[in-house]
Amino acid sequence: MPHYELTLLAEFSAAHQLRLPDGSLEPLHGHNWQVEACVSGSELDSSGWLADFTVLQPKLDGIVAELHDRHLNEHPAFAGINPTTEQVARYIAERLSAGLAHGLRVGWVRVWETRRCAASYYP
């Protein structure tokens, strides 16, 4: 069965303070986060599209807008959990997944906290 993927990009700036394995907190710091989100499916519509970018992109943009200029430790989605890059990727994937049309799914979400460090989540 064929498989198609669309990749969307977004960015936001936010701060976090991670709990380290020894239980201590690292200093509060921020990142200019980059987000890649893959939406996949197996069937194209009558126009030859898997989905319309102009519908998907605003969904992703709305999710990251809620994180922009925030202290992630204080965001309700991260209450009681360490707001790692992995957890940010999971959160974005779950939110994006909830708004997809029938037949579409989130293939993965990759979140870059620096140009050299990223975490991916595959639901």
PDB file of N, CA and C in Angstrom:
ATOM      1  N   MET A   1       0.848  -1.175   0.000  1.00  0.00           N
ATOM      2  CA  MET A   1       0.000   0.000   0.000  1.00  0.00           C
ATOM      3  C   MET A   1       0.897   1.243   0.000  1.00  0.00           C
ATOM      4  N   PRO A   2       0.575   2.214  -0.843  1.00  0.00           N
ATOM      5  CA  PRO A   2       1.402   3.429  -0.872  1.00  0.00           C
ATOM      6  C   PRO A   2       1.313   4.191   0.451  1.00  0.00           C
ATOM      7  N   HIS A   3       2.330   4.953   0.679  1.00  0.00           N
ATOM      8  CA  HIS A   3       2.413   5.740   1.912  1.00  0.00           C
ATOM      9  C   HIS A   3       2.949   7.114   1.527  1.00  0.00           C
ATOM     10  N   TYR A   4       2.251   8.153   1.932  1.00  0.00           N
ATOM     11  CA  TYR A   4       2.648   9.523   1.638  1.00  0.00           C
ATOM     12  C   TYR A   4       2.910  10.255   2.943  1.00  0.00           C
ATOM     13  N   GLU A   5       3.848  11.197   2.897  1.00  0.00           N
ATOM     14  CA  GLU A   5       4.141  12.026   4.069  1.00  0.00           C
ATOM     15  C   GLU A   5       4.212  13.488   3.658  1.00  0.00           C
ATOM     16  N   LEU A   6       3.657  14.338   4.488  1.00  0.00           N
ATOM     17  CA  LEU A   6       3.814  15.783   4.357  1.00  0.00           C
ATOM     18  C   LEU A   6       4.587  16.252   5.575  1.00  0.00           C
ATOM     19  N   THR A   7       5.516  17.171   5.376  1.00  0.00           N
ATOM     20  CA  THR A   7       6.286  17.692   6.499  1.00  0.00           C
ATOM     21  C   THR A   7       6.016  19.179   6.641  1.00  0.00           C
ATOM     22  N   LEU A   8       5.692  19.573   7.862  1.00  0.00           N
ATOM     23  CA  LEU A   8       5.401  20.966   8.200  1.00  0.00           C
ATOM     24  C   LEU A   8       6.496  21.481   9.116  1.00  0.00           C
ATOM     25  N   LEU A   9       6.778  22.767   9.050  1.00  0.00           N
ATOM     26  CA  LEU A   9       7.784  23.390   9.901  1.00  0.00           C
ATOM     27  C   LEU A   9       7.156  24.524  10.695  1.00  0.00           C
ATOM     28  N   ALA A  10       7.639  24.703  11.910  1.00  0.00           N
ATOM     29  CA  ALA A  10       7.193  25.817  12.751  1.00  0.00           C
ATOM     30  C   ALA A  10       8.316  26.138  13.725  1.00  0.00           C
ATOM     31  N   GLU A  11       8.196  27.258  14.395  1.00  0.00           N
ATOM     32  CA  GLU A  11       9.205  27.633  15.389  1.00  0.00           C
ATOM     33  C   GLU A  11       8.555  28.439  16.495  1.00  0.00           C
ATOM     34  N   PHE A  12       9.209  28.401  17.643  1.00  0.00           N
ATOM     35  CA  PHE A  12       8.757  29.193  18.782  1.00  0.00           C
ATOM     36  C   PHE A  12       9.936  29.403  19.713  1.00  0.00           C
ATOM     37  N   SER A  13       9.821  30.386  20.563  1.00  0.00           N
ATOM     38  CA  SER A  13      10.826  30.655  21.596  1.00  0.00           C
ATOM     39  C   SER A  13      10.184  30.388  22.941  1.00  0.00           C
ATOM     40  N   ALA A  14      10.899  29.666  23.792  1.00  0.00           N
ATOM     41  CA  ALA A  14      10.375  29.360  25.124  1.00  0.00           C
ATOM     42  C   ALA A  14      11.532  28.993  26.039  1.00  0.00           C
ATOM     43  N   ALA A  15      11.268  29.100  27.326  1.00  0.00           N
ATOM     44  CA  ALA A  15      12.264  28.745  28.343  1.00  0.00           C
ATOM     45  C   ALA A  15      11.821  27.484  29.071  1.00  0.00           C
ATOM     46  N   HIS A  16      12.806  26.788  29.638  1.00  0.00           N
ATOM     47  CA  HIS A  16      12.496  25.655  30.517  1.00  0.00           C
ATOM     48  C   HIS A  16      13.626  25.477  31.520  1.00  0.00           C
ATOM     49  N   GLN A  17      13.329  24.744  32.554  1.00  0.00           N
ATOM     50  CA  GLN A  17      14.299  24.439  33.602  1.00  0.00           C
ATOM     51  C   GLN A  17      14.140  22.952  33.903  1.00  0.00           C
ATOM     52  N   LEU A  18      15.129  22.179  33.498  1.00  0.00           N
ATOM     53  CA  LEU A  18      15.020  20.729  33.602  1.00  0.00           C
ATOM     54  C   LEU A  18      15.534  20.211  34.936  1.00  0.00           C
ATOM     55  N   ARG A  19      14.860  19.173  35.412  1.00  0.00           N
ATOM     56  CA  ARG A  19      15.347  18.455  36.580  1.00  0.00           C
ATOM     57  C   ARG A  19      16.353  17.436  36.078  1.00  0.00           C
ATOM     58  N   LEU A  20      17.556  17.485  36.619  1.00  0.00           N
ATOM     59  CA  LEU A  20      18.631  16.592  36.209  1.00  0.00           C
ATOM     60  C   LEU A  20      18.506  15.246  36.914  1.00  0.00           C
ATOM     61  N   PRO A  21      19.181  14.219  36.398  1.00  0.00           N
ATOM     62  CA  PRO A  21      19.076  12.890  37.014  1.00  0.00           C
ATOM     63  C   PRO A  21      19.422  12.853  38.505  1.00  0.00           C
ATOM     64  N   ASP A  22      20.280  13.756  38.964  1.00  0.00           N
ATOM     65  CA  ASP A  22      20.632  13.769  40.393  1.00  0.00           C
ATOM     66  C   ASP A  22      19.592  14.508  41.242  1.00  0.00           C
ATOM     67  N   GLY A  23      18.523  15.005  40.599  1.00  0.00           N
ATOM     68  CA  GLY A  23      17.455  15.689  41.320  1.00  0.00           C
ATOM     69  C   GLY A  23      17.589  17.200  41.357  1.00  0.00           C
ATOM     70  N   SER A  24      18.744  17.712  40.979  1.00  0.00           N
ATOM     71  CA  SER A  24      18.933  19.163  40.985  1.00  0.00           C
ATOM     72  C   SER A  24      18.290  19.780  39.739  1.00  0.00           C
ATOM     73  N   LEU A  25      18.068  21.086  39.795  1.00  0.00           N
ATOM     74  CA  LEU A  25      17.513  21.812  38.654  1.00  0.00           C
ATOM     75  C   LEU A  25      18.619  22.533  37.914  1.00  0.00           C
ATOM     76  N   GLU A  26      18.590  22.443  36.606  1.00  0.00           N
ATOM     77  CA  GLU A  26      19.538  23.231  35.830  1.00  0.00           C
ATOM     78  C   GLU A  26      19.042  24.676  35.806  1.00  0.00           C
ATOM     79  N   PRO A  27      19.896  25.632  35.460  1.00  0.00           N
ATOM     80  CA  PRO A  27      19.446  27.023  35.396  1.00  0.00           C
ATOM     81  C   PRO A  27      18.338  27.199  34.348  1.00  0.00           C
ATOM     82  N   LEU A  28      17.415  28.099  34.638  1.00  0.00           N
ATOM     83  CA  LEU A  28      16.385  28.457  33.672  1.00  0.00           C
ATOM     84  C   LEU A  28      17.075  29.011  32.430  1.00  0.00           C
ATOM     85  N   HIS A  29      16.667  28.530  31.274  1.00  0.00           N
ATOM     86  CA  HIS A  29      17.264  28.996  30.022  1.00  0.00           C
ATOM     87  C   HIS A  29      16.238  28.855  28.902  1.00  0.00           C
ATOM     88  N   GLY A  30      16.502  29.534  27.807  1.00  0.00           N
ATOM     89  CA  GLY A  30      15.572  29.508  26.691  1.00  0.00           C
ATOM     90  C   GLY A  30      16.190  28.956  25.426  1.00  0.00           C
ATOM     91  N   HIS A  31      15.316  28.635  24.494  1.00  0.00           N
ATOM     92  CA  HIS A  31      15.726  28.152  23.179  1.00  0.00           C
ATOM     93  C   HIS A  31      14.832  28.790  22.124  1.00  0.00           C
ATOM     94  N   ASN A  32      15.346  28.855  20.926  1.00  0.00           N
ATOM     95  CA  ASN A  32      14.544  29.127  19.742  1.00  0.00           C
ATOM     96  C   ASN A  32      14.292  27.759  19.114  1.00  0.00           C
ATOM     97  N   TRP A  33      13.177  27.167  19.471  1.00  0.00           N
ATOM     98  CA  TRP A  33      12.848  25.803  19.085  1.00  0.00           C
ATOM     99  C   TRP A  33      12.391  25.754  17.631  1.00  0.00           C
ATOM    100  N   GLN A  34      12.795  24.726  16.925  1.00  0.00           N
ATOM    101  CA  GLN A  34      12.343  24.452  15.563  1.00  0.00           C
ATOM    102  C   GLN A  34      11.546  23.149  15.607  1.00  0.00           C
ATOM    103  N   VAL A  35      10.433  23.119  14.929  1.00  0.00           N
ATOM    104  CA  VAL A  35       9.559  21.949  14.948  1.00  0.00           C
ATOM    105  C   VAL A  35       9.354  21.450  13.520  1.00  0.00           C
ATOM    106  N   GLU A  36       9.524  20.156  13.335  1.00  0.00           N
ATOM    107  CA  GLU A  36       9.157  19.477  12.100  1.00  0.00           C
ATOM    108  C   GLU A  36       8.067  18.486  12.468  1.00  0.00           C
ATOM    109  N   ALA A  37       6.998  18.469  11.717  1.00  0.00           N
ATOM    110  CA  ALA A  37       5.912  17.529  11.981  1.00  0.00           C
ATOM    111  C   ALA A  37       5.547  16.826  10.683  1.00  0.00           C
ATOM    112  N   CYS A  38       5.499  15.510  10.739  1.00  0.00           N
ATOM    113  CA  CYS A  38       5.147  14.697   9.581  1.00  0.00           C
ATOM    114  C   CYS A  38       3.724  14.184   9.740  1.00  0.00           C
ATOM    115  N   VAL A  39       2.905  14.436   8.736  1.00  0.00           N
ATOM    116  CA  VAL A  39       1.550  13.891   8.675  1.00  0.00           C
ATOM    117  C   VAL A  39       1.543  12.879   7.537  1.00  0.00           C
ATOM    118  N   SER A  40       1.028  11.695   7.799  1.00  0.00           N
ATOM    119  CA  SER A  40       1.084  10.635   6.795  1.00  0.00           C
ATOM    120  C   SER A  40      -0.285  10.017   6.545  1.00  0.00           C
ATOM    121  N   GLY A  41      -0.368   9.333   5.433  1.00  0.00           N
ATOM    122  CA  GLY A  41      -1.582   8.628   5.058  1.00  0.00           C
ATOM    123  C   GLY A  41      -1.325   7.810   3.808  1.00  0.00           C
ATOM    124  N   SER A  42      -2.298   7.033   3.409  1.00  0.00           N
ATOM    125  CA  SER A  42      -2.091   6.135   2.271  1.00  0.00           C
ATOM    126  C   SER A  42      -2.940   6.472   1.053  1.00  0.00           C
ATOM    127  N   GLU A  43      -3.883   7.392   1.188  1.00  0.00           N
ATOM    128  CA  GLU A  43      -4.761   7.692   0.055  1.00  0.00           C
ATOM    129  C   GLU A  43      -4.766   9.180  -0.264  1.00  0.00           C
ATOM    130  N   LEU A  44      -4.670   9.477  -1.543  1.00  0.00           N
ATOM    131  CA  LEU A  44      -4.780  10.854  -2.008  1.00  0.00           C
ATOM    132  C   LEU A  44      -6.231  11.152  -2.346  1.00  0.00           C
ATOM    133  N   ASP A  45      -6.597  12.418  -2.241  1.00  0.00           N
ATOM    134  CA  ASP A  45      -7.969  12.786  -2.598  1.00  0.00           C
ATOM    135  C   ASP A  45      -8.096  12.926  -4.119  1.00  0.00           C
ATOM    136  N   SER A  46      -9.249  13.330  -4.587  1.00  0.00           N
ATOM    137  CA  SER A  46      -9.502  13.416  -6.033  1.00  0.00           C
ATOM    138  C   SER A  46      -8.635  14.468  -6.725  1.00  0.00           C
ATOM    139  N   SER A  47      -8.050  15.381  -5.945  1.00  0.00           N
ATOM    140  CA  SER A  47      -7.145  16.387  -6.504  1.00  0.00           C
ATOM    141  C   SER A  47      -5.698  15.931  -6.485  1.00  0.00           C
ATOM    142  N   GLY A  48      -5.451  14.736  -5.937  1.00  0.00           N
ATOM    143  CA  GLY A  48      -4.089  14.225  -5.870  1.00  0.00           C
ATOM    144  C   GLY A  48      -3.330  14.669  -4.633  1.00  0.00           C
ATOM    145  N   TRP A  49      -4.048  15.127  -3.616  1.00  0.00           N
ATOM    146  CA  TRP A  49      -3.419  15.596  -2.381  1.00  0.00           C
ATOM    147  C   TRP A  49      -3.665  14.611  -1.253  1.00  0.00           C
ATOM    148  N   LEU A  50      -2.673  14.492  -0.388  1.00  0.00           N
ATOM    149  CA  LEU A  50      -2.883  13.775   0.869  1.00  0.00           C
ATOM    150  C   LEU A  50      -3.694  14.669   1.802  1.00  0.00           C
ATOM    151  N   ALA A  51      -3.292  15.928   1.892  1.00  0.00           N
ATOM    152  CA  ALA A  51      -3.982  16.942   2.698  1.00  0.00           C
ATOM    153  C   ALA A  51      -3.527  18.304   2.196  1.00  0.00           C
ATOM    154  N   ASP A  52      -4.259  19.307   2.538  1.00  0.00           N
ATOM    155  CA  ASP A  52      -3.961  20.669   2.115  1.00  0.00           C
ATOM    156  C   ASP A  52      -3.033  21.322   3.140  1.00  0.00           C
ATOM    157  N   PHE A  53      -1.851  21.736   2.682  1.00  0.00           N
ATOM    158  CA  PHE A  53      -0.912  22.417   3.575  1.00  0.00           C
ATOM    159  C   PHE A  53      -1.553  23.630   4.241  1.00  0.00           C
ATOM    160  N   THR A  54      -2.441  24.312   3.513  1.00  0.00           N
ATOM    161  CA  THR A  54      -3.040  25.531   4.069  1.00  0.00           C
ATOM    162  C   THR A  54      -4.034  25.230   5.184  1.00  0.00           C
ATOM    163  N   VAL A  55      -4.396  23.970   5.352  1.00  0.00           N
ATOM    164  CA  VAL A  55      -5.223  23.542   6.482  1.00  0.00           C
ATOM    165  C   VAL A  55      -4.335  23.032   7.616  1.00  0.00           C
ATOM    166  N   LEU A  56      -3.312  22.246   7.270  1.00  0.00           N
ATOM    167  CA  LEU A  56      -2.447  21.649   8.295  1.00  0.00           C
ATOM    168  C   LEU A  56      -1.543  22.668   8.988  1.00  0.00           C
ATOM    169  N   GLN A  57      -0.953  23.577   8.201  1.00  0.00           N
ATOM    170  CA  GLN A  57       0.020  24.505   8.787  1.00  0.00           C
ATOM    171  C   GLN A  57      -0.580  25.370   9.897  1.00  0.00           C
ATOM    172  N   PRO A  58      -1.782  25.930   9.721  1.00  0.00           N
ATOM    173  CA  PRO A  58      -2.354  26.709  10.824  1.00  0.00           C
ATOM    174  C   PRO A  58      -2.594  25.883  12.089  1.00  0.00           C
ATOM    175  N   LYS A  59      -2.878  24.589  11.937  1.00  0.00           N
ATOM    176  CA  LYS A  59      -3.048  23.731  13.120  1.00  0.00           C
ATOM    177  C   LYS A  59      -1.739  23.654  13.898  1.00  0.00           C
ATOM    178  N   LEU A  60      -0.634  23.388  13.188  1.00  0.00           N
ATOM    179  CA  LEU A  60       0.667  23.322  13.854  1.00  0.00           C
ATOM    180  C   LEU A  60       1.045  24.685  14.419  1.00  0.00           C
ATOM    181  N   ASP A  61       0.830  25.735  13.657  1.00  0.00           N
ATOM    182  CA  ASP A  61       1.163  27.083  14.132  1.00  0.00           C
ATOM    183  C   ASP A  61       0.391  27.435  15.401  1.00  0.00           C
ATOM    184  N   GLY A  62      -0.870  27.035  15.477  1.00  0.00           N
ATOM    185  CA  GLY A  62      -1.667  27.305  16.675  1.00  0.00           C
ATOM    186  C   GLY A  62      -1.137  26.585  17.901  1.00  0.00           C
ATOM    187  N   ILE A  63      -0.659  25.362  17.710  1.00  0.00           N
ATOM    188  CA  ILE A  63      -0.107  24.599  18.836  1.00  0.00           C
ATOM    189  C   ILE A  63       1.161  25.256  19.353  1.00  0.00           C
ATOM    190  N   VAL A  64       2.074  25.599  18.442  1.00  0.00           N
ATOM    191  CA  VAL A  64       3.329  26.192  18.910  1.00  0.00           C
ATOM    192  C   VAL A  64       3.118  27.613  19.427  1.00  0.00           C
ATOM    193  N   ALA A  65       2.086  28.308  18.951  1.00  0.00           N
ATOM    194  CA  ALA A  65       1.798  29.656  19.463  1.00  0.00           C
ATOM    195  C   ALA A  65       1.482  29.614  20.955  1.00  0.00           C
ATOM    196  N   GLU A  66       0.865  28.518  21.403  1.00  0.00           N
ATOM    197  CA  GLU A  66       0.557  28.372  22.831  1.00  0.00           C
ATOM    198  C   GLU A  66       1.816  28.189  23.677  1.00  0.00           C
ATOM    199  N   LEU A  67       2.911  27.780  23.048  1.00  0.00           N
ATOM    200  CA  LEU A  67       4.173  27.574  23.762  1.00  0.00           C
ATOM    201  C   LEU A  67       5.099  28.784  23.655  1.00  0.00           C
ATOM    202  N   HIS A  68       4.840  29.639  22.672  1.00  0.00           N
ATOM    203  CA  HIS A  68       5.726  30.767  22.388  1.00  0.00           C
ATOM    204  C   HIS A  68       5.793  31.744  23.564  1.00  0.00           C
ATOM    205  N   ASP A  69       7.014  32.155  23.871  1.00  0.00           N
ATOM    206  CA  ASP A  69       7.290  33.110  24.956  1.00  0.00           C
ATOM    207  C   ASP A  69       6.790  32.618  26.308  1.00  0.00           C
ATOM    208  N   ARG A  70       6.787  31.315  26.513  1.00  0.00           N
ATOM    209  CA  ARG A  70       6.324  30.730  27.771  1.00  0.00           C
ATOM    210  C   ARG A  70       7.486  30.119  28.531  1.00  0.00           C
ATOM    211  N   HIS A  71       7.286  29.989  29.824  1.00  0.00           N
ATOM    212  CA  HIS A  71       8.145  29.169  30.679  1.00  0.00           C
ATOM    213  C   HIS A  71       7.464  27.807  30.696  1.00  0.00           C
ATOM    214  N   LEU A  72       8.038  26.830  30.014  1.00  0.00           N
ATOM    215  CA  LEU A  72       7.349  25.558  29.807  1.00  0.00           C
ATOM    216  C   LEU A  72       7.024  24.840  31.106  1.00  0.00           C
ATOM    217  N   ASN A  73       7.827  25.031  32.136  1.00  0.00           N
ATOM    218  CA  ASN A  73       7.530  24.400  33.428  1.00  0.00           C
ATOM    219  C   ASN A  73       6.186  24.870  33.980  1.00  0.00           C
ATOM    220  N   GLU A  74       5.739  26.056  33.570  1.00  0.00           N
ATOM    221  CA  GLU A  74       4.485  26.618  34.070  1.00  0.00           C
ATOM    222  C   GLU A  74       3.300  26.351  33.139  1.00  0.00           C
ATOM    223  N   HIS A  75       3.546  25.736  32.001  1.00  0.00           N
ATOM    224  CA  HIS A  75       2.468  25.418  31.058  1.00  0.00           C
ATOM    225  C   HIS A  75       1.714  24.194  31.576  1.00  0.00           C
ATOM    226  N   PRO A  76       0.378  24.215  31.551  1.00  0.00           N
ATOM    227  CA  PRO A  76      -0.405  23.087  32.086  1.00  0.00           C
ATOM    228  C   PRO A  76      -0.046  21.727  31.480  1.00  0.00           C
ATOM    229  N   ALA A  77       0.380  21.704  30.237  1.00  0.00           N
ATOM    230  CA  ALA A  77       0.718  20.428  29.593  1.00  0.00           C
ATOM    231  C   ALA A  77       1.919  19.755  30.231  1.00  0.00           C
ATOM    232  N   PHE A  78       2.737  20.532  30.929  1.00  0.00           N
ATOM    233  CA  PHE A  78       3.954  19.979  31.518  1.00  0.00           C
ATOM    234  C   PHE A  78       3.897  19.964  33.042  1.00  0.00           C
ATOM    235  N   ALA A  79       2.706  20.116  33.586  1.00  0.00           N
ATOM    236  CA  ALA A  79       2.535  20.074  35.045  1.00  0.00           C
ATOM    237  C   ALA A  79       2.945  18.691  35.550  1.00  0.00           C
ATOM    238  N   GLY A  80       3.895  18.671  36.442  1.00  0.00           N
ATOM    239  CA  GLY A  80       4.322  17.417  37.049  1.00  0.00           C
ATOM    240  C   GLY A  80       5.268  16.582  36.209  1.00  0.00           C
ATOM    241  N   ILE A  81       5.658  17.073  35.031  1.00  0.00           N
ATOM    242  CA  ILE A  81       6.635  16.335  34.227  1.00  0.00           C
ATOM    243  C   ILE A  81       7.785  17.255  33.848  1.00  0.00           C
ATOM    244  N   ASN A  82       8.919  16.668  33.580  1.00  0.00           N
ATOM    245  CA  ASN A  82      10.103  17.404  33.173  1.00  0.00           C
ATOM    246  C   ASN A  82       9.898  17.865  31.724  1.00  0.00           C
ATOM    247  N   PRO A  83       9.932  19.168  31.440  1.00  0.00           N
ATOM    248  CA  PRO A  83       9.644  19.647  30.088  1.00  0.00           C
ATOM    249  C   PRO A  83      10.841  19.490  29.141  1.00  0.00           C
ATOM    250  N   THR A  84      11.240  18.244  28.948  1.00  0.00           N
ATOM    251  CA  THR A  84      12.352  17.938  28.054  1.00  0.00           C
ATOM    252  C   THR A  84      11.931  18.131  26.600  1.00  0.00           C
ATOM    253  N   THR A  85      12.895  18.129  25.732  1.00  0.00           N
ATOM    254  CA  THR A  85      12.599  18.222  24.304  1.00  0.00           C
ATOM    255  C   THR A  85      11.748  17.036  23.859  1.00  0.00           C
ATOM    256  N   GLU A  86      12.003  15.871  24.436  1.00  0.00           N
ATOM    257  CA  GLU A  86      11.202  14.686  24.125  1.00  0.00           C
ATOM    258  C   GLU A  86       9.737  14.904  24.494  1.00  0.00           C
ATOM    259  N   GLN A  87       9.502  15.498  25.658  1.00  0.00           N
ATOM    260  CA  GLN A  87       8.126  15.743  26.105  1.00  0.00           C
ATOM    261  C   GLN A  87       7.449  16.820  25.257  1.00  0.00           C
ATOM    262  N   VAL A  88       8.216  17.799  24.817  1.00  0.00           N
ATOM    263  CA  VAL A  88       7.656  18.828  23.933  1.00  0.00           C
ATOM    264  C   VAL A  88       7.227  18.190  22.607  1.00  0.00           C
ATOM    265  N   ALA A  89       8.064  17.306  22.070  1.00  0.00           N
ATOM    266  CA  ALA A  89       7.719  16.615  20.820  1.00  0.00           C
ATOM    267  C   ALA A  89       6.454  15.771  20.998  1.00  0.00           C
ATOM    268  N   ARG A  90       6.349  15.057  22.112  1.00  0.00           N
ATOM    269  CA  ARG A  90       5.165  14.238  22.387  1.00  0.00           C
ATOM    270  C   ARG A  90       3.916  15.113  22.462  1.00  0.00           C
ATOM    271  N   TYR A  91       4.011  16.212  23.204  1.00  0.00           N
ATOM    272  CA  TYR A  91       2.871  17.115  23.360  1.00  0.00           C
ATOM    273  C   TYR A  91       2.388  17.637  22.004  1.00  0.00           C
ATOM    274  N   ILE A  92       3.311  18.098  21.181  1.00  0.00           N
ATOM    275  CA  ILE A  92       2.929  18.635  19.875  1.00  0.00           C
ATOM    276  C   ILE A  92       2.292  17.539  19.018  1.00  0.00           C
ATOM    277  N   ALA A  93       2.860  16.344  19.037  1.00  0.00           N
ATOM    278  CA  ALA A  93       2.303  15.234  18.251  1.00  0.00           C
ATOM    279  C   ALA A  93       0.885  14.899  18.695  1.00  0.00           C
ATOM    280  N   GLU A  94       0.667  14.828  19.991  1.00  0.00           N
ATOM    281  CA  GLU A  94      -0.672  14.495  20.495  1.00  0.00           C
ATOM    282  C   GLU A  94      -1.690  15.568  20.146  1.00  0.00           C
ATOM    283  N   ARG A  95      -1.302  16.815  20.275  1.00  0.00           N
ATOM    284  CA  ARG A  95      -2.223  17.909  19.934  1.00  0.00           C
ATOM    285  C   ARG A  95      -2.533  17.928  18.443  1.00  0.00           C
ATOM    286  N   LEU A  96      -1.509  17.759  17.617  1.00  0.00           N
ATOM    287  CA  LEU A  96      -1.712  17.780  16.172  1.00  0.00           C
ATOM    288  C   LEU A  96      -2.573  16.598  15.735  1.00  0.00           C
ATOM    289  N   SER A  97      -2.349  15.466  16.326  1.00  0.00           N
ATOM    290  CA  SER A  97      -3.095  14.253  15.992  1.00  0.00           C
ATOM    291  C   SER A  97      -4.592  14.420  16.237  1.00  0.00           C
ATOM    292  N   ALA A  98      -4.931  15.133  17.288  1.00  0.00           N
ATOM    293  CA  ALA A  98      -6.340  15.304  17.667  1.00  0.00           C
ATOM    294  C   ALA A  98      -7.143  16.063  16.618  1.00  0.00           C
ATOM    295  N   GLY A  99      -6.499  16.850  15.792  1.00  0.00           N
ATOM    296  CA  GLY A  99      -7.240  17.660  14.835  1.00  0.00           C
ATOM    297  C   GLY A  99      -7.155  17.198  13.393  1.00  0.00           C
ATOM    298  N   LEU A 100      -6.680  15.976  13.155  1.00  0.00           N
ATOM    299  CA  LEU A 100      -6.492  15.523  11.781  1.00  0.00           C
ATOM    300  C   LEU A 100      -7.748  14.888  11.195  1.00  0.00           C
ATOM    301  N   ALA A 101      -7.881  15.040   9.896  1.00  0.00           N
ATOM    302  CA  ALA A 101      -8.997  14.428   9.170  1.00  0.00           C
ATOM    303  C   ALA A 101      -8.836  12.909   9.151  1.00  0.00           C
ATOM    304  N   HIS A 102      -9.933  12.225   8.901  1.00  0.00           N
ATOM    305  CA  HIS A 102      -9.944  10.765   8.810  1.00  0.00           C
ATOM    306  C   HIS A 102      -8.915  10.295   7.773  1.00  0.00           C
ATOM    307  N   GLY A 103      -8.170   9.270   8.106  1.00  0.00           N
ATOM    308  CA  GLY A 103      -7.186   8.710   7.193  1.00  0.00           C
ATOM    309  C   GLY A 103      -5.808   9.310   7.327  1.00  0.00           C
ATOM    310  N   LEU A 104      -5.689  10.378   8.106  1.00  0.00           N
ATOM    311  CA  LEU A 104      -4.384  10.998   8.340  1.00  0.00           C
ATOM    312  C   LEU A 104      -3.918  10.668   9.745  1.00  0.00           C
ATOM    313  N   ARG A 105      -2.595  10.606   9.908  1.00  0.00           N
ATOM    314  CA  ARG A 105      -2.027  10.394  11.235  1.00  0.00           C
ATOM    315  C   ARG A 105      -0.711  11.155  11.327  1.00  0.00           C
ATOM    316  N   VAL A 106      -0.297  11.423  12.543  1.00  0.00           N
ATOM    317  CA  VAL A 106       1.021  12.010  12.756  1.00  0.00           C
ATOM    318  C   VAL A 106       2.036  10.878  12.648  1.00  0.00           C
ATOM    319  N   GLY A 107       2.955  11.010  11.709  1.00  0.00           N
ATOM    320  CA  GLY A 107       4.013  10.011  11.556  1.00  0.00           C
ATOM    321  C   GLY A 107       5.099  10.196  12.594  1.00  0.00           C
ATOM    322  N   TRP A 108       5.467  11.443  12.814  1.00  0.00           N
ATOM    323  CA  TRP A 108       6.472  11.790  13.816  1.00  0.00           C
ATOM    324  C   TRP A 108       6.492  13.300  13.994  1.00  0.00           C
ATOM    325  N   VAL A 109       7.053  13.711  15.109  1.00  0.00           N
ATOM    326  CA  VAL A 109       7.353  15.125  15.359  1.00  0.00           C
ATOM    327  C   VAL A 109       8.789  15.194  15.847  1.00  0.00           C
ATOM    328  N   ARG A 110       9.556  16.091  15.257  1.00  0.00           N
ATOM    329  CA  ARG A 110      10.948  16.311  15.665  1.00  0.00           C
ATOM    330  C   ARG A 110      11.061  17.754  16.147  1.00  0.00           C
ATOM    331  N   VAL A 111      11.629  17.925  17.325  1.00  0.00           N
ATOM    332  CA  VAL A 111      11.804  19.250  17.911  1.00  0.00           C
ATOM    333  C   VAL A 111      13.293  19.491  18.120  1.00  0.00           C
ATOM    334  N   TRP A 112      13.755  20.577  17.540  1.00  0.00           N
ATOM    335  CA  TRP A 112      15.158  20.986  17.667  1.00  0.00           C
ATOM    336  C   TRP A 112      15.231  22.070  18.732  1.00  0.00           C
ATOM    337  N   GLU A 113      16.050  21.850  19.758  1.00  0.00           N
ATOM    338  CA  GLU A 113      16.239  22.909  20.752  1.00  0.00           C
ATOM    339  C   GLU A 113      17.479  23.734  20.432  1.00  0.00           C
ATOM    340  N   THR A 114      18.394  23.171  19.659  1.00  0.00           N
ATOM    341  CA  THR A 114      19.535  23.904  19.107  1.00  0.00           C
ATOM    342  C   THR A 114      19.724  23.411  17.677  1.00  0.00           C
ATOM    343  N   ARG A 115      20.661  24.009  16.951  1.00  0.00           N
ATOM    344  CA  ARG A 115      20.923  23.564  15.579  1.00  0.00           C
ATOM    345  C   ARG A 115      21.461  22.139  15.542  1.00  0.00           C
ATOM    346  N   ARG A 116      21.968  21.656  16.680  1.00  0.00           N
ATOM    347  CA  ARG A 116      22.620  20.348  16.692  1.00  0.00           C
ATOM    348  C   ARG A 116      21.928  19.307  17.558  1.00  0.00           C
ATOM    349  N   CYS A 117      20.877  19.677  18.259  1.00  0.00           N
ATOM    350  CA  CYS A 117      20.228  18.747  19.197  1.00  0.00           C
ATOM    351  C   CYS A 117      18.721  18.725  18.974  1.00  0.00           C
ATOM    352  N   ALA A 118      18.202  17.524  18.709  1.00  0.00           N
ATOM    353  CA  ALA A 118      16.763  17.363  18.476  1.00  0.00           C
ATOM    354  C   ALA A 118      16.279  16.080  19.129  1.00  0.00           C
ATOM    355  N   ALA A 119      14.983  16.034  19.374  1.00  0.00           N
ATOM    356  CA  ALA A 119      14.330  14.815  19.854  1.00  0.00           C
ATOM    357  C   ALA A 119      13.124  14.563  18.961  1.00  0.00           C
ATOM    358  N   SER A 120      12.854  13.294  18.695  1.00  0.00           N
ATOM    359  CA  SER A 120      11.724  12.908  17.854  1.00  0.00           C
ATOM    360  C   SER A 120      10.770  12.032  18.635  1.00  0.00           C
ATOM    361  N   TYR A 121       9.491  12.149  18.290  1.00  0.00           N
ATOM    362  CA  TYR A 121       8.448  11.318  18.895  1.00  0.00           C
ATOM    363  C   TYR A 121       7.653  10.679  17.768  1.00  0.00           C
ATOM    364  N   TYR A 122       7.499   9.357  17.835  1.00  0.00           N
ATOM    365  CA  TYR A 122       6.737   8.582  16.856  1.00  0.00           C
ATOM    366  C   TYR A 122       5.530   7.982  17.568  1.00  0.00           C
ATOM    367  N   PRO A 123       4.344   8.543  17.390  1.00  0.00           N
ATOM    368  CA  PRO A 123       3.176   8.014  18.112  1.00  0.00           C
ATOM    369  C   PRO A 123       2.784   6.610  17.638  1.00  0.00           C
TER     370      PRO A 123
END
